[in-house]
Amino acid sequence: MESRPPERMVPRQPREEAGPQDVVPQPTQARADYLKERVHTGDPGPLAAPLNVDVPAVSGNGTVGATLNCTMGNWTGDPTSYAYQWKSDGTDVAGTGDSYVVAAGDAGHGITCVVTATNDAGSTAAPPSNAVAIAAAGTETETRRK
């Protein structure tokens, strides 16, 4: 017959009183009925403003006259439209579409894009994209050997 080690008894700790931080808010009956109707009618529809999952990204050549492109990123909440705001070192610049032609005034600065997604419940702006450094006037970003 095998010998087993003795079982350890762990004393119970006294239970702390539940405080306000332990209270979980409960949905109202109207909200519960609304959610139940959405589930049973097959129309889930957006319940909240869009939420950014992946930050937008800017790509393109960092030279004056080049075109930069901004992705919309990935969102939850079924956005119905997107708005783009281009920025040079954090300051708004002209251009509201998903592409931007680098201006002479952008030389020596970093260009980013902020995308705002909208649905019936509201709008949300994503964090700024990566910055593309624009070559200062008189420099080239690539050199070629002859």
N, C-alpha and C. Protein backbone atom coordinates (compact mmCIF):
# COMPACT_ATOMS: atom_id res chain seq x y z
N MET A 1 0.84 -1.15 0.00
CA MET A 1 0.00 0.00 0.00
C MET A 1 0.91 1.24 0.00
N GLU A 2 0.56 2.20 -0.88
CA GLU A 2 1.38 3.40 -1.00
C GLU A 2 1.05 4.36 0.12
N SER A 3 2.09 5.05 0.49
CA SER A 3 1.91 6.06 1.53
C SER A 3 1.74 7.42 0.87
N ARG A 4 0.74 8.15 1.25
CA ARG A 4 0.50 9.48 0.70
C ARG A 4 0.95 10.52 1.71
N PRO A 5 1.47 11.66 1.14
CA PRO A 5 1.83 12.72 2.09
C PRO A 5 0.57 13.29 2.71
N PRO A 6 0.68 13.82 3.89
CA PRO A 6 -0.52 14.37 4.54
C PRO A 6 -1.04 15.57 3.77
N GLU A 7 -2.34 15.70 3.73
CA GLU A 7 -2.97 16.83 3.04
C GLU A 7 -2.76 18.09 3.86
N ARG A 8 -2.50 19.19 3.13
CA ARG A 8 -2.33 20.47 3.81
C ARG A 8 -3.66 21.17 3.90
N MET A 9 -3.91 21.68 5.02
CA MET A 9 -5.12 22.46 5.21
C MET A 9 -4.75 23.94 5.13
N VAL A 10 -5.44 24.65 4.26
CA VAL A 10 -5.21 26.08 4.13
C VAL A 10 -6.37 26.79 4.80
N PRO A 11 -6.07 27.62 5.78
CA PRO A 11 -7.18 28.30 6.46
C PRO A 11 -7.85 29.29 5.52
N ARG A 12 -9.13 29.41 5.65
CA ARG A 12 -9.88 30.37 4.85
C ARG A 12 -9.61 31.77 5.35
N GLN A 13 -9.50 32.67 4.37
CA GLN A 13 -9.31 34.07 4.71
C GLN A 13 -10.68 34.71 4.90
N PRO A 14 -10.80 35.65 5.82
CA PRO A 14 -12.10 36.30 5.99
C PRO A 14 -12.47 37.07 4.72
N ARG A 15 -13.70 37.02 4.34
CA ARG A 15 -14.18 37.69 3.14
C ARG A 15 -14.32 39.19 3.41
N GLU A 16 -13.76 39.97 2.46
CA GLU A 16 -13.86 41.41 2.61
C GLU A 16 -15.25 41.87 2.20
N GLU A 17 -15.66 42.95 2.78
CA GLU A 17 -16.94 43.53 2.42
C GLU A 17 -16.88 44.06 0.98
N ALA A 18 -17.93 43.85 0.24
CA ALA A 18 -17.99 44.35 -1.13
C ALA A 18 -18.12 45.87 -1.10
N GLY A 19 -17.26 46.52 -1.85
CA GLY A 19 -17.29 47.97 -1.94
C GLY A 19 -17.88 48.41 -3.26
N PRO A 20 -17.95 49.73 -3.50
CA PRO A 20 -18.54 50.24 -4.74
C PRO A 20 -17.76 49.78 -5.97
N GLN A 21 -16.44 49.50 -5.83
CA GLN A 21 -15.67 49.06 -6.99
C GLN A 21 -16.06 47.65 -7.42
N ASP A 22 -16.72 46.89 -6.54
CA ASP A 22 -17.12 45.52 -6.86
C ASP A 22 -18.50 45.44 -7.50
N VAL A 23 -19.22 46.53 -7.55
CA VAL A 23 -20.57 46.52 -8.09
C VAL A 23 -20.50 46.59 -9.62
N VAL A 24 -21.10 45.63 -10.26
CA VAL A 24 -21.12 45.60 -11.72
C VAL A 24 -22.42 46.24 -12.19
N PRO A 25 -22.32 47.30 -13.02
CA PRO A 25 -23.55 47.94 -13.47
C PRO A 25 -24.38 46.99 -14.34
N GLN A 26 -25.65 47.01 -14.15
CA GLN A 26 -26.55 46.16 -14.91
C GLN A 26 -27.26 46.98 -15.98
N PRO A 27 -27.48 46.38 -17.17
CA PRO A 27 -28.17 47.14 -18.21
C PRO A 27 -29.61 47.42 -17.81
N THR A 28 -30.09 48.52 -18.33
CA THR A 28 -31.49 48.83 -18.06
C THR A 28 -32.37 47.88 -18.86
N GLN A 29 -33.62 47.77 -18.48
CA GLN A 29 -34.53 46.88 -19.20
C GLN A 29 -34.71 47.34 -20.64
N ALA A 30 -34.75 48.65 -20.86
CA ALA A 30 -34.90 49.17 -22.23
C ALA A 30 -33.71 48.75 -23.09
N ARG A 31 -32.50 48.85 -22.55
CA ARG A 31 -31.30 48.44 -23.29
C ARG A 31 -31.32 46.94 -23.56
N ALA A 32 -31.71 46.17 -22.57
CA ALA A 32 -31.79 44.72 -22.73
C ALA A 32 -32.80 44.36 -23.82
N ASP A 33 -33.97 45.04 -23.82
CA ASP A 33 -34.97 44.78 -24.85
C ASP A 33 -34.46 45.15 -26.23
N TYR A 34 -33.73 46.27 -26.31
CA TYR A 34 -33.16 46.72 -27.58
C TYR A 34 -32.18 45.67 -28.12
N LEU A 35 -31.27 45.21 -27.27
CA LEU A 35 -30.30 44.20 -27.70
C LEU A 35 -30.98 42.91 -28.12
N LYS A 36 -31.98 42.49 -27.36
CA LYS A 36 -32.72 41.26 -27.67
C LYS A 36 -33.40 41.38 -29.03
N GLU A 37 -34.00 42.52 -29.32
CA GLU A 37 -34.66 42.74 -30.60
C GLU A 37 -33.65 42.69 -31.75
N ARG A 38 -32.48 43.31 -31.56
CA ARG A 38 -31.45 43.33 -32.61
C ARG A 38 -30.97 41.91 -32.92
N VAL A 39 -30.79 41.11 -31.87
CA VAL A 39 -30.32 39.74 -32.06
C VAL A 39 -31.36 38.91 -32.79
N HIS A 40 -32.61 39.05 -32.43
CA HIS A 40 -33.64 38.21 -33.00
C HIS A 40 -34.14 38.67 -34.37
N THR A 41 -33.91 39.91 -34.73
CA THR A 41 -34.34 40.37 -36.05
C THR A 41 -33.24 40.21 -37.09
N GLY A 42 -32.03 39.82 -36.65
CA GLY A 42 -30.93 39.63 -37.59
C GLY A 42 -30.29 40.93 -38.04
N ASP A 43 -30.66 42.04 -37.42
CA ASP A 43 -30.09 43.33 -37.78
C ASP A 43 -29.21 43.81 -36.63
N PRO A 44 -27.92 43.37 -36.61
CA PRO A 44 -27.08 43.73 -35.49
C PRO A 44 -26.74 45.22 -35.46
N GLY A 45 -26.62 45.88 -36.61
CA GLY A 45 -26.37 47.32 -36.67
C GLY A 45 -25.33 47.81 -35.69
N PRO A 46 -24.75 48.95 -35.95
CA PRO A 46 -23.75 49.48 -35.02
C PRO A 46 -24.40 49.95 -33.72
N LEU A 47 -23.80 49.56 -32.61
CA LEU A 47 -24.30 49.96 -31.31
C LEU A 47 -23.46 51.07 -30.71
N ALA A 48 -22.27 51.29 -31.28
CA ALA A 48 -21.37 52.30 -30.74
C ALA A 48 -20.58 52.91 -31.89
N ALA A 49 -19.95 54.03 -31.61
CA ALA A 49 -19.10 54.68 -32.61
C ALA A 49 -17.97 53.71 -32.98
N PRO A 50 -17.40 53.87 -34.17
CA PRO A 50 -16.32 52.97 -34.61
C PRO A 50 -15.14 52.99 -33.63
N LEU A 51 -14.44 51.88 -33.58
CA LEU A 51 -13.26 51.75 -32.73
C LEU A 51 -12.09 51.32 -33.60
N ASN A 52 -10.98 52.06 -33.52
CA ASN A 52 -9.81 51.74 -34.33
C ASN A 52 -9.08 50.54 -33.77
N VAL A 53 -8.78 49.57 -34.66
CA VAL A 53 -8.07 48.36 -34.27
C VAL A 53 -6.61 48.43 -34.72
N ASP A 54 -6.37 48.85 -35.95
CA ASP A 54 -5.03 49.02 -36.50
C ASP A 54 -4.88 50.46 -36.99
N VAL A 55 -3.81 51.12 -36.57
CA VAL A 55 -3.56 52.51 -36.93
C VAL A 55 -3.31 52.62 -38.43
N PRO A 56 -3.84 53.66 -39.08
CA PRO A 56 -3.57 53.89 -40.50
C PRO A 56 -2.06 54.01 -40.77
N ALA A 57 -1.66 53.74 -42.01
CA ALA A 57 -0.25 53.81 -42.39
C ALA A 57 -0.08 54.66 -43.64
N VAL A 58 0.99 55.46 -43.66
CA VAL A 58 1.31 56.30 -44.82
C VAL A 58 2.47 55.65 -45.56
N SER A 59 2.36 55.62 -46.89
CA SER A 59 3.44 55.09 -47.72
C SER A 59 3.69 56.05 -48.88
N GLY A 60 4.89 55.98 -49.42
CA GLY A 60 5.24 56.81 -50.56
C GLY A 60 6.65 57.35 -50.41
N ASN A 61 7.10 58.03 -51.44
CA ASN A 61 8.44 58.58 -51.49
C ASN A 61 8.46 59.95 -50.80
N GLY A 62 9.40 60.15 -49.90
CA GLY A 62 9.47 61.39 -49.13
C GLY A 62 10.18 62.52 -49.84
N THR A 63 9.72 62.86 -51.04
CA THR A 63 10.31 63.98 -51.78
C THR A 63 9.22 64.94 -52.21
N VAL A 64 9.60 66.20 -52.39
CA VAL A 64 8.65 67.22 -52.84
C VAL A 64 8.10 66.81 -54.20
N GLY A 65 6.79 66.88 -54.36
CA GLY A 65 6.12 66.51 -55.61
C GLY A 65 5.65 65.07 -55.65
N ALA A 66 6.12 64.23 -54.73
CA ALA A 66 5.70 62.83 -54.69
C ALA A 66 4.30 62.72 -54.07
N THR A 67 3.62 61.61 -54.34
CA THR A 67 2.30 61.36 -53.77
C THR A 67 2.41 60.36 -52.62
N LEU A 68 1.86 60.73 -51.48
CA LEU A 68 1.79 59.84 -50.33
C LEU A 68 0.38 59.27 -50.26
N ASN A 69 0.26 58.03 -49.81
CA ASN A 69 -1.05 57.37 -49.67
C ASN A 69 -1.25 56.93 -48.23
N CYS A 70 -2.48 57.06 -47.76
CA CYS A 70 -2.82 56.70 -46.38
C CYS A 70 -3.88 55.59 -46.39
N THR A 71 -3.60 54.49 -45.67
CA THR A 71 -4.62 53.45 -45.53
C THR A 71 -5.65 53.92 -44.51
N MET A 72 -6.81 53.30 -44.48
CA MET A 72 -7.83 53.69 -43.51
C MET A 72 -7.61 53.00 -42.17
N GLY A 73 -6.73 51.99 -42.12
CA GLY A 73 -6.57 51.21 -40.90
C GLY A 73 -7.70 50.21 -40.81
N ASN A 74 -7.82 49.53 -39.69
CA ASN A 74 -8.91 48.57 -39.47
C ASN A 74 -9.75 49.05 -38.31
N TRP A 75 -11.06 48.87 -38.47
CA TRP A 75 -12.03 49.40 -37.51
C TRP A 75 -13.09 48.36 -37.17
N THR A 76 -13.65 48.46 -35.97
CA THR A 76 -14.86 47.73 -35.63
C THR A 76 -15.99 48.75 -35.59
N GLY A 77 -17.22 48.28 -35.53
CA GLY A 77 -18.36 49.19 -35.44
C GLY A 77 -18.94 49.57 -36.79
N ASP A 78 -18.54 48.87 -37.86
CA ASP A 78 -19.10 49.08 -39.20
C ASP A 78 -19.15 50.54 -39.63
N PRO A 79 -17.98 51.18 -39.80
CA PRO A 79 -17.98 52.57 -40.27
C PRO A 79 -18.66 52.70 -41.64
N THR A 80 -19.34 53.81 -41.84
CA THR A 80 -19.99 54.07 -43.13
C THR A 80 -19.23 55.08 -43.96
N SER A 81 -18.30 55.83 -43.32
CA SER A 81 -17.48 56.78 -44.07
C SER A 81 -16.18 57.03 -43.32
N TYR A 82 -15.20 57.54 -44.08
CA TYR A 82 -13.88 57.85 -43.52
C TYR A 82 -13.48 59.25 -43.96
N ALA A 83 -12.85 60.00 -43.07
CA ALA A 83 -12.32 61.33 -43.40
C ALA A 83 -10.82 61.31 -43.10
N TYR A 84 -10.04 61.96 -43.96
CA TYR A 84 -8.58 61.99 -43.82
C TYR A 84 -8.12 63.41 -43.56
N GLN A 85 -7.20 63.57 -42.60
CA GLN A 85 -6.58 64.86 -42.33
C GLN A 85 -5.07 64.66 -42.35
N TRP A 86 -4.41 65.35 -43.26
CA TRP A 86 -2.95 65.27 -43.38
C TRP A 86 -2.32 66.30 -42.48
N LYS A 87 -1.15 65.96 -41.90
CA LYS A 87 -0.47 66.86 -40.98
C LYS A 87 1.02 66.90 -41.30
N SER A 88 1.61 68.09 -41.14
CA SER A 88 3.05 68.28 -41.29
C SER A 88 3.58 68.65 -39.91
N ASP A 89 4.34 67.74 -39.31
CA ASP A 89 4.82 67.92 -37.94
C ASP A 89 3.68 68.26 -36.99
N GLY A 90 2.54 67.62 -37.16
CA GLY A 90 1.40 67.79 -36.26
C GLY A 90 0.47 68.94 -36.60
N THR A 91 0.81 69.75 -37.60
CA THR A 91 -0.04 70.88 -37.99
C THR A 91 -0.83 70.51 -39.24
N ASP A 92 -2.14 70.78 -39.23
CA ASP A 92 -2.99 70.46 -40.38
C ASP A 92 -2.46 71.12 -41.65
N VAL A 93 -2.50 70.37 -42.75
CA VAL A 93 -2.15 70.91 -44.07
C VAL A 93 -3.30 70.63 -45.02
N ALA A 94 -3.32 71.33 -46.16
CA ALA A 94 -4.39 71.12 -47.14
C ALA A 94 -4.34 69.68 -47.63
N GLY A 95 -5.48 69.12 -47.84
CA GLY A 95 -5.57 67.74 -48.32
C GLY A 95 -6.48 66.95 -47.40
N THR A 96 -7.53 66.38 -47.96
CA THR A 96 -8.48 65.65 -47.15
C THR A 96 -8.78 64.26 -47.68
N GLY A 97 -8.19 63.87 -48.81
CA GLY A 97 -8.43 62.54 -49.34
C GLY A 97 -7.40 61.56 -48.83
N ASP A 98 -7.42 60.33 -49.37
CA ASP A 98 -6.47 59.32 -48.91
C ASP A 98 -5.10 59.45 -49.57
N SER A 99 -4.91 60.43 -50.45
CA SER A 99 -3.59 60.68 -51.03
C SER A 99 -3.25 62.16 -50.88
N TYR A 100 -1.94 62.44 -50.86
CA TYR A 100 -1.46 63.80 -50.62
C TYR A 100 -0.21 64.03 -51.46
N VAL A 101 -0.17 65.14 -52.19
CA VAL A 101 1.01 65.50 -52.98
C VAL A 101 1.88 66.40 -52.10
N VAL A 102 3.12 65.96 -51.89
CA VAL A 102 4.03 66.67 -51.00
C VAL A 102 4.36 68.05 -51.58
N ALA A 103 4.15 69.10 -50.80
CA ALA A 103 4.40 70.48 -51.22
C ALA A 103 5.81 70.90 -50.83
N ALA A 104 6.30 71.95 -51.45
CA ALA A 104 7.65 72.45 -51.17
C ALA A 104 7.79 72.86 -49.69
N GLY A 105 6.73 73.37 -49.11
CA GLY A 105 6.75 73.78 -47.71
C GLY A 105 6.87 72.61 -46.73
N ASP A 106 6.69 71.38 -47.23
CA ASP A 106 6.79 70.20 -46.37
C ASP A 106 8.23 69.72 -46.22
N ALA A 107 9.15 70.26 -47.04
CA ALA A 107 10.54 69.82 -47.00
C ALA A 107 11.12 69.99 -45.60
N GLY A 108 11.78 68.94 -45.12
CA GLY A 108 12.38 68.97 -43.80
C GLY A 108 11.41 68.62 -42.68
N HIS A 109 10.18 68.25 -43.00
CA HIS A 109 9.17 67.93 -41.99
C HIS A 109 8.72 66.48 -42.12
N GLY A 110 7.95 66.01 -41.14
CA GLY A 110 7.36 64.68 -41.16
C GLY A 110 5.88 64.78 -41.47
N ILE A 111 5.40 63.99 -42.43
CA ILE A 111 3.98 64.02 -42.83
C ILE A 111 3.27 62.80 -42.25
N THR A 112 2.14 63.04 -41.59
CA THR A 112 1.31 61.97 -41.04
C THR A 112 -0.13 62.15 -41.52
N CYS A 113 -0.95 61.15 -41.24
CA CYS A 113 -2.35 61.18 -41.62
C CYS A 113 -3.19 60.71 -40.42
N VAL A 114 -4.30 61.41 -40.17
CA VAL A 114 -5.25 60.99 -39.14
C VAL A 114 -6.56 60.65 -39.83
N VAL A 115 -7.06 59.44 -39.60
CA VAL A 115 -8.30 58.99 -40.21
C VAL A 115 -9.40 59.01 -39.16
N THR A 116 -10.56 59.56 -39.54
CA THR A 116 -11.73 59.57 -38.66
C THR A 116 -12.81 58.71 -39.32
N ALA A 117 -13.28 57.71 -38.58
CA ALA A 117 -14.34 56.82 -39.08
C ALA A 117 -15.67 57.23 -38.44
N THR A 118 -16.74 57.12 -39.23
CA THR A 118 -18.06 57.54 -38.78
C THR A 118 -19.09 56.46 -39.07
N ASN A 119 -20.03 56.27 -38.16
CA ASN A 119 -21.23 55.46 -38.40
C ASN A 119 -22.41 56.18 -37.75
N ASP A 120 -23.57 55.55 -37.72
CA ASP A 120 -24.77 56.20 -37.18
C ASP A 120 -24.63 56.57 -35.70
N ALA A 121 -23.73 55.89 -34.98
CA ALA A 121 -23.58 56.15 -33.55
C ALA A 121 -22.57 57.25 -33.24
N GLY A 122 -21.75 57.64 -34.22
CA GLY A 122 -20.79 58.70 -33.95
C GLY A 122 -19.52 58.59 -34.78
N SER A 123 -18.51 59.36 -34.39
CA SER A 123 -17.23 59.40 -35.10
C SER A 123 -16.08 59.19 -34.13
N THR A 124 -15.01 58.58 -34.63
CA THR A 124 -13.81 58.35 -33.82
C THR A 124 -12.59 58.59 -34.69
N ALA A 125 -11.62 59.35 -34.16
CA ALA A 125 -10.36 59.57 -34.87
C ALA A 125 -9.33 58.56 -34.39
N ALA A 126 -8.60 57.98 -35.34
CA ALA A 126 -7.51 57.06 -35.01
C ALA A 126 -6.29 57.86 -34.57
N PRO A 127 -5.36 57.22 -33.89
CA PRO A 127 -4.09 57.91 -33.59
C PRO A 127 -3.38 58.24 -34.91
N PRO A 128 -2.47 59.20 -34.90
CA PRO A 128 -1.76 59.55 -36.14
C PRO A 128 -0.98 58.36 -36.70
N SER A 129 -0.88 58.33 -38.03
CA SER A 129 -0.12 57.28 -38.70
C SER A 129 1.37 57.45 -38.45
N ASN A 130 2.14 56.55 -39.06
CA ASN A 130 3.59 56.72 -39.07
C ASN A 130 3.93 58.00 -39.82
N ALA A 131 5.07 58.58 -39.54
CA ALA A 131 5.50 59.80 -40.23
C ALA A 131 6.43 59.44 -41.38
N VAL A 132 6.23 60.10 -42.51
CA VAL A 132 7.15 59.98 -43.64
C VAL A 132 7.97 61.27 -43.65
N ALA A 133 9.29 61.11 -43.52
CA ALA A 133 10.18 62.27 -43.52
C ALA A 133 10.34 62.79 -44.94
N ILE A 134 10.14 64.08 -45.11
CA ILE A 134 10.28 64.71 -46.42
C ILE A 134 11.68 65.31 -46.50
N ALA A 135 12.39 64.94 -47.57
CA ALA A 135 13.77 65.40 -47.74
C ALA A 135 13.81 66.92 -47.78
N ALA A 136 14.81 67.48 -47.10
CA ALA A 136 14.99 68.93 -47.11
C ALA A 136 15.35 69.38 -48.52
N ALA A 137 15.04 70.61 -48.84
CA ALA A 137 15.32 71.16 -50.18
C ALA A 137 16.79 70.99 -50.51
N GLY A 138 17.09 70.53 -51.74
CA GLY A 138 18.46 70.36 -52.21
C GLY A 138 19.07 69.03 -51.86
N THR A 139 18.30 68.11 -51.21
CA THR A 139 18.82 66.77 -50.92
C THR A 139 17.96 65.75 -51.63
N GLU A 140 18.51 64.56 -51.78
CA GLU A 140 17.76 63.47 -52.41
C GLU A 140 17.66 62.34 -51.42
N THR A 141 16.57 61.59 -51.50
CA THR A 141 16.40 60.46 -50.59
C THR A 141 17.10 59.23 -51.13
N GLU A 142 17.33 59.16 -52.42
CA GLU A 142 18.03 58.02 -53.02
C GLU A 142 19.14 58.55 -53.92
N THR A 143 20.23 57.86 -53.94
CA THR A 143 21.30 58.21 -54.86
C THR A 143 21.53 57.04 -55.79
N ARG A 144 21.94 57.34 -57.02
CA ARG A 144 22.20 56.29 -58.01
C ARG A 144 23.65 56.35 -58.42
N ARG A 145 24.21 55.17 -58.66
CA ARG A 145 25.58 55.11 -59.19
C ARG A 145 25.52 55.12 -60.68
N LYS A 146 26.46 55.84 -61.29
CA LYS A 146 26.51 55.89 -62.75
C LYS A 146 27.55 54.95 -63.28
